[in-house]
């Protein structure tokens, strides 16, 4: 069995499909990708695992139970008796999401503190997926430790996928975010940026410029997402524009990029061409933005 390991922070999610009630769920960017990846990868030869740190309280138990029920392997979930899981709430305006966070006591901020546990998880993985949020929540020393461990894993043959997923409010300075993002890209087989963010923080004037910047940093393959508009897939030899037609109006854009990443990686791990993988990502993201919440049932 091959193993995809997603690293990051899973949180309790408050979403409000109406003005009268809040729904409590479990989500988080890399967890969303793990959840969708479990549905995109065949269970006959792929295990999807999640690597994080949670508490021992009832809400942490809820997160652990959620992972198990979603058929996501929990062997690499560390426990922290002093901390718990983070919480966020989603409010919507014209289908666009706005977040409020409570994550100061999140145990996931310490997911890279235990070097032995981190190394064991990475040694067990064939593919590792993580994001800029994974990096942002860590202290600088832990962030450096994680990047070093990922580089070592890649040198052993593990493939690495990275979504920059810029959240400047989680960083001490946007310059730090930019620098750490490029360090992560240098050890990535796949980089999966979103153009709106890249244009804002890196000043890219085109999808192609964004892709080329990440290739120059060391990434092997880049797909530049573009909120449903034409996107670009690129490697050292080729760049290609993929246009799936006019973007649809979202009911809720939460987790669209996370779902795209899951379908894209699922297709690439099945040896499909990058262009077909991008189309698969677009198709799944289009389904996800048609419903409320981060995790949308796909069997309907």
Protein backbone atom coordinates (compact mmCIF):
# COMPACT_ATOMS: atom_id res chain seq x y z
CA UNK A 1 0.00 0.00 0.00
CA UNK A 2 1.18 3.50 -0.81
CA UNK A 3 0.52 6.28 1.68
CA UNK A 4 -0.42 9.93 1.18
CA UNK A 5 0.29 11.84 4.38
CA UNK A 6 -1.34 15.26 4.81
CA UNK A 7 0.29 17.46 7.45
CA UNK A 8 -1.36 20.39 9.16
CA UNK A 9 -4.02 21.65 11.51
CA UNK A 10 -7.52 20.21 11.72
CA UNK A 11 -10.01 22.43 13.52
CA UNK A 12 -13.58 22.59 14.65
CA UNK A 13 -15.61 24.48 12.05
CA UNK A 14 -18.70 26.57 12.74
CA UNK A 15 -20.65 27.13 9.53
CA UNK A 16 -24.04 28.75 9.21
CA UNK A 17 -26.22 27.50 6.36
CA UNK A 18 -28.98 29.78 7.68
CA UNK A 19 -29.25 32.79 9.97
CA UNK A 20 -30.80 30.71 12.71
CA UNK A 21 -28.33 27.93 13.43
CA UNK A 22 -24.64 27.08 13.38
CA UNK A 23 -23.36 23.68 12.32
CA UNK A 24 -20.31 22.23 14.10
CA UNK A 25 -18.00 20.25 11.85
CA UNK A 26 -14.33 19.36 11.49
CA UNK A 27 -12.19 20.93 8.77
CA UNK A 28 -8.95 22.75 7.99
CA UNK A 29 -7.16 23.19 4.69
CA UNK A 30 -4.95 20.08 4.66
CA UNK A 31 -7.64 18.01 6.35
CA UNK A 32 -10.08 19.02 3.62
CA UNK A 33 -7.60 17.79 1.03
CA UNK A 34 -7.10 14.52 2.94
CA UNK A 35 -10.88 14.02 3.10
CA UNK A 36 -11.33 14.54 -0.63
CA UNK A 37 -8.17 12.58 -1.47
CA UNK A 38 -9.64 9.57 0.35
CA UNK A 39 -12.49 9.76 -2.17
CA UNK A 40 -10.21 10.30 -5.17
CA UNK A 41 -7.63 7.57 -4.51
CA UNK A 42 -8.46 3.85 -4.72
CA UNK A 43 -8.54 2.22 -1.31
CA UNK A 44 -7.11 -0.97 -2.77
CA UNK A 45 -3.64 0.54 -3.03
CA UNK A 46 -3.64 3.94 -1.29
CA UNK A 47 -3.84 4.83 2.39
CA UNK A 48 -4.62 8.46 3.23
CA UNK A 49 -3.18 9.53 6.58
CA UNK A 50 -3.28 12.74 8.57
CA UNK A 51 -0.40 14.08 10.63
CA UNK A 52 -1.20 16.63 13.30
CA UNK A 53 -1.31 17.20 17.05
CA UNK A 54 -4.53 17.39 19.09
CA UNK A 55 -5.49 17.31 22.76
CA UNK A 56 -7.07 14.65 24.94
CA UNK A 57 -10.33 16.53 25.64
CA UNK A 58 -13.78 15.76 24.27
CA UNK A 59 -13.47 18.10 21.30
CA UNK A 60 -10.13 16.54 20.35
CA UNK A 61 -11.76 13.12 20.62
CA UNK A 62 -14.43 14.36 18.23
CA UNK A 63 -11.73 15.27 15.72
CA UNK A 64 -10.02 11.89 16.12
CA UNK A 65 -13.32 10.05 15.68
CA UNK A 66 -14.11 12.13 12.60
CA UNK A 67 -10.81 11.15 10.99
CA UNK A 68 -11.38 7.48 11.71
CA UNK A 69 -14.93 7.54 10.39
CA UNK A 70 -13.67 9.25 7.22
CA UNK A 71 -11.24 6.31 6.73
CA UNK A 72 -8.25 8.62 7.24
CA UNK A 73 -5.41 6.91 9.07
CA UNK A 74 -4.71 8.37 12.52
CA UNK A 75 -1.44 6.62 13.37
CA UNK A 76 0.44 9.92 13.00
CA UNK A 77 -1.88 12.04 15.15
CA UNK A 78 0.05 13.12 18.24
CA UNK A 79 -1.66 13.84 21.60
CA UNK A 80 -1.00 16.86 23.79
CA UNK A 81 -2.38 16.85 27.35
CA UNK A 82 -1.89 20.62 27.72
CA UNK A 83 -3.62 21.89 24.56
CA UNK A 84 -6.70 21.33 22.43
CA UNK A 85 -7.93 21.90 18.87
CA UNK A 86 -8.55 25.26 17.23
CA UNK A 87 -11.94 26.66 16.25
CA UNK A 88 -13.05 28.86 13.37
CA UNK A 89 -16.34 30.28 12.14
CA UNK A 90 -17.33 30.97 8.53
CA UNK A 91 -19.57 33.83 7.52
CA UNK A 92 -20.61 34.26 3.90
CA UNK A 93 -21.22 37.27 1.69
CA UNK A 94 -22.29 36.58 -1.92
CA UNK A 95 -20.77 33.11 -1.69
CA UNK A 96 -17.40 34.38 -0.48
CA UNK A 97 -16.14 33.27 2.89
CA UNK A 98 -14.93 35.31 5.84
CA UNK A 99 -13.24 33.62 8.79
CA UNK A 100 -13.00 34.26 12.51
CA UNK A 101 -10.43 32.11 14.35
CA UNK A 102 -9.78 30.94 17.89
CA UNK A 103 -6.54 28.95 17.66
CA UNK A 104 -4.18 30.27 20.36
CA UNK A 105 -4.28 26.95 22.27
CA UNK A 106 -4.12 24.74 19.19
CA UNK A 107 -1.94 21.69 19.79
CA UNK A 108 -1.18 21.58 16.06
CA UNK A 109 1.18 24.52 16.54
CA UNK A 110 3.54 21.93 18.05
CA UNK A 111 3.20 19.17 15.44
CA UNK A 112 6.89 19.41 14.52
CA UNK A 113 8.25 19.63 18.06
CA UNK A 114 8.66 15.86 18.44
CA UNK A 115 11.40 15.05 15.93
CA UNK A 116 11.08 11.29 16.37
CA UNK A 117 7.34 11.33 15.71
CA UNK A 118 7.77 13.60 12.69
CA UNK A 119 10.52 11.45 11.19
CA UNK A 120 8.50 8.27 11.73
CA UNK A 121 5.54 9.78 9.92
CA UNK A 122 7.64 10.95 6.99
CA UNK A 123 9.47 7.63 6.69
CA UNK A 124 6.07 5.91 6.37
CA UNK A 125 4.86 8.20 3.56
CA UNK A 126 5.19 7.90 -0.19
CA UNK A 127 3.70 11.35 -0.77
CA UNK A 128 3.46 14.26 1.69
CA UNK A 129 1.06 17.17 1.25
CA UNK A 130 1.14 20.33 3.34
CA UNK A 131 0.42 24.04 3.03
CA UNK A 132 1.53 27.52 3.89
CA UNK A 133 -0.83 27.36 6.86
CA UNK A 134 1.06 24.31 8.14
CA UNK A 135 4.22 26.43 8.07
CA UNK A 136 2.58 29.59 9.43
CA UNK A 137 1.30 28.06 12.66
CA UNK A 138 4.74 26.77 13.65
CA UNK A 139 7.41 28.59 15.62
CA UNK A 140 10.44 29.49 13.43
CA UNK A 141 12.60 26.68 14.85
CA UNK A 142 9.87 24.10 14.31
CA UNK A 143 9.24 25.41 10.80
CA UNK A 144 12.91 24.98 9.94
CA UNK A 145 12.84 21.49 11.41
CA UNK A 146 9.82 20.55 9.29
CA UNK A 147 11.35 21.85 6.06
CA UNK A 148 14.61 20.02 6.80
CA UNK A 149 12.73 16.79 7.49
CA UNK A 150 10.71 17.17 4.28
CA UNK A 151 13.87 17.75 2.26
CA UNK A 152 15.37 14.59 3.74
CA UNK A 153 12.20 12.64 2.96
CA UNK A 154 12.29 13.86 -0.64
CA UNK A 155 15.91 12.78 -0.97
CA UNK A 156 14.75 9.28 0.01
CA UNK A 157 12.20 9.25 -2.83
CA UNK A 158 9.11 10.59 -1.08
CA UNK A 159 7.23 13.06 -3.28
CA UNK A 160 6.17 16.40 -1.78
CA UNK A 161 3.16 18.57 -2.66
CA UNK A 162 2.75 22.12 -1.35
CA UNK A 163 -0.08 24.66 -1.52
CA UNK A 164 1.21 28.12 -0.51
CA UNK A 165 -2.28 29.05 0.80
CA UNK A 166 -1.17 32.47 1.99
CA UNK A 167 -2.65 33.68 5.29
CA UNK A 168 -0.65 36.81 6.18
CA UNK A 169 -2.41 37.25 9.52
CA UNK A 170 -0.76 34.04 10.73
CA UNK A 171 2.75 35.35 10.04
CA UNK A 172 4.82 37.92 11.90
CA UNK A 173 5.53 39.69 8.59
CA UNK A 174 4.61 39.17 4.95
CA UNK A 175 8.31 39.12 4.04
CA UNK A 176 8.73 36.06 6.24
CA UNK A 177 5.75 34.42 4.56
CA UNK A 178 7.23 35.06 1.12
CA UNK A 179 10.66 33.74 2.08
CA UNK A 180 9.32 30.58 3.72
CA UNK A 181 7.00 29.94 0.78
CA UNK A 182 9.94 29.93 -1.63
CA UNK A 183 11.91 27.62 0.67
CA UNK A 184 8.99 25.19 0.59
CA UNK A 185 8.72 25.41 -3.19
CA UNK A 186 12.40 24.51 -3.52
CA UNK A 187 11.73 21.04 -2.08
CA UNK A 188 8.37 20.40 -3.80
CA UNK A 189 7.45 18.07 -6.61
CA UNK A 190 4.12 19.87 -6.97
CA UNK A 191 3.28 23.47 -6.06
CA UNK A 192 -0.41 24.41 -6.20
CA UNK A 193 -0.77 28.20 -5.81
CA UNK A 194 -3.85 30.39 -6.28
CA UNK A 195 -3.23 33.30 -8.64
CA UNK A 196 -5.11 36.01 -6.72
CA UNK A 197 -2.89 35.46 -3.69
CA UNK A 198 0.28 35.17 -5.72
CA UNK A 199 -0.39 38.40 -7.59
CA UNK A 200 -1.01 40.18 -4.28
CA UNK A 201 2.08 38.99 -2.43
CA UNK A 202 4.59 38.33 -5.22
CA UNK A 203 3.44 40.84 -7.84
CA UNK A 204 3.04 38.26 -10.63
CA UNK A 205 1.48 39.89 -13.68
CA UNK A 206 0.32 36.63 -15.30
CA UNK A 207 -0.37 32.99 -14.59
CA UNK A 208 2.69 32.09 -16.62
CA UNK A 209 4.92 34.40 -14.57
CA UNK A 210 3.64 32.83 -11.38
CA UNK A 211 4.37 29.32 -12.65
CA UNK A 212 7.83 30.30 -13.86
CA UNK A 213 8.73 31.85 -10.52
CA UNK A 214 7.95 28.63 -8.67
CA UNK A 215 9.80 26.54 -11.25
CA UNK A 216 12.81 28.81 -10.87
CA UNK A 217 12.61 28.33 -7.09
CA UNK A 218 12.99 24.58 -7.60
CA UNK A 219 9.49 23.13 -7.98
CA UNK A 220 9.17 20.32 -10.51
CA UNK A 221 5.56 20.96 -11.49
CA UNK A 222 3.22 23.89 -10.89
CA UNK A 223 -0.50 24.32 -11.40
CA UNK A 224 -1.70 27.89 -10.95
CA UNK A 225 -5.34 27.87 -9.86
CA UNK A 226 -7.46 30.84 -10.86
CA UNK A 227 -10.84 30.78 -9.08
CA UNK A 228 -12.49 28.79 -11.87
CA UNK A 229 -11.03 30.85 -14.73
CA UNK A 230 -8.30 29.62 -17.07
CA UNK A 231 -5.36 28.10 -15.18
CA UNK A 232 -1.81 27.13 -16.10
CA UNK A 233 0.03 23.83 -15.62
CA UNK A 234 3.78 23.92 -16.09
CA UNK A 235 7.02 22.03 -15.69
CA UNK A 236 10.54 22.74 -16.90
CA UNK A 237 9.65 21.78 -20.48
CA UNK A 238 6.08 23.00 -21.00
CA UNK A 239 3.44 25.49 -19.95
CA UNK A 240 -0.17 25.01 -20.93
CA UNK A 241 -3.31 27.04 -20.33
CA UNK A 242 -6.38 25.04 -19.30
CA UNK A 243 -9.69 26.85 -19.85
CA UNK A 244 -12.84 25.11 -18.64
CA UNK A 245 -15.20 27.87 -19.69
CA UNK A 246 -16.91 30.57 -17.59
CA UNK A 247 -16.58 30.04 -13.82
CA UNK A 248 -19.77 29.21 -11.97
CA UNK A 249 -21.19 31.47 -9.29
CA UNK A 250 -20.33 29.88 -5.92
CA UNK A 251 -22.83 29.05 -3.24
CA UNK A 252 -19.88 28.71 -0.85
CA UNK A 253 -16.26 28.81 -1.98
CA UNK A 254 -14.94 27.15 1.20
CA UNK A 255 -12.42 24.35 0.46
CA UNK A 256 -12.60 24.73 -3.33
CA UNK A 257 -8.84 24.90 -3.61
CA UNK A 258 -8.37 22.06 -1.14
CA UNK A 259 -10.68 19.84 -3.18
CA UNK A 260 -8.92 20.84 -6.40
CA UNK A 261 -5.60 19.77 -4.87
CA UNK A 262 -7.00 16.38 -3.85
CA UNK A 263 -8.36 15.60 -7.29
CA UNK A 264 -5.24 16.92 -9.01
CA UNK A 265 -2.90 14.82 -6.89
CA UNK A 266 -5.19 11.80 -7.15
CA UNK A 267 -5.01 11.98 -10.92
CA UNK A 268 -1.26 12.56 -11.01
CA UNK A 269 -0.67 9.63 -8.64
CA UNK A 270 -2.71 7.54 -11.08
CA UNK A 271 -0.23 8.61 -13.78
CA UNK A 272 -2.66 10.86 -15.62
CA UNK A 273 -1.18 13.84 -17.50
CA UNK A 274 -1.03 17.17 -15.67
CA UNK A 275 -3.60 18.66 -18.04
CA UNK A 276 -6.12 15.92 -17.25
CA UNK A 277 -5.34 16.24 -13.57
CA UNK A 278 -6.10 19.96 -13.74
CA UNK A 279 -9.45 19.22 -15.36
CA UNK A 280 -10.21 16.69 -12.63
CA UNK A 281 -9.37 19.30 -10.02
CA UNK A 282 -11.61 21.86 -11.68
CA UNK A 283 -14.50 19.40 -11.89
CA UNK A 284 -14.32 18.54 -8.19
CA UNK A 285 -13.91 22.15 -7.09
CA UNK A 286 -16.97 23.06 -9.18
CA UNK A 287 -19.03 20.53 -7.23
CA UNK A 288 -17.73 21.73 -3.90
CA UNK A 289 -18.60 25.40 -4.44
CA UNK A 290 -22.19 24.40 -5.24
CA UNK A 291 -22.93 23.49 -1.61
CA UNK A 292 -22.38 24.89 1.87
CA UNK A 293 -19.42 23.93 4.04
CA UNK A 294 -15.93 22.62 3.48
CA UNK A 295 -16.77 18.95 3.03
CA UNK A 296 -19.44 18.10 0.48
CA UNK A 297 -20.84 14.62 -0.03
CA UNK A 298 -19.90 13.36 -3.48
CA UNK A 299 -22.28 10.43 -3.73
CA UNK A 300 -25.36 12.57 -4.33
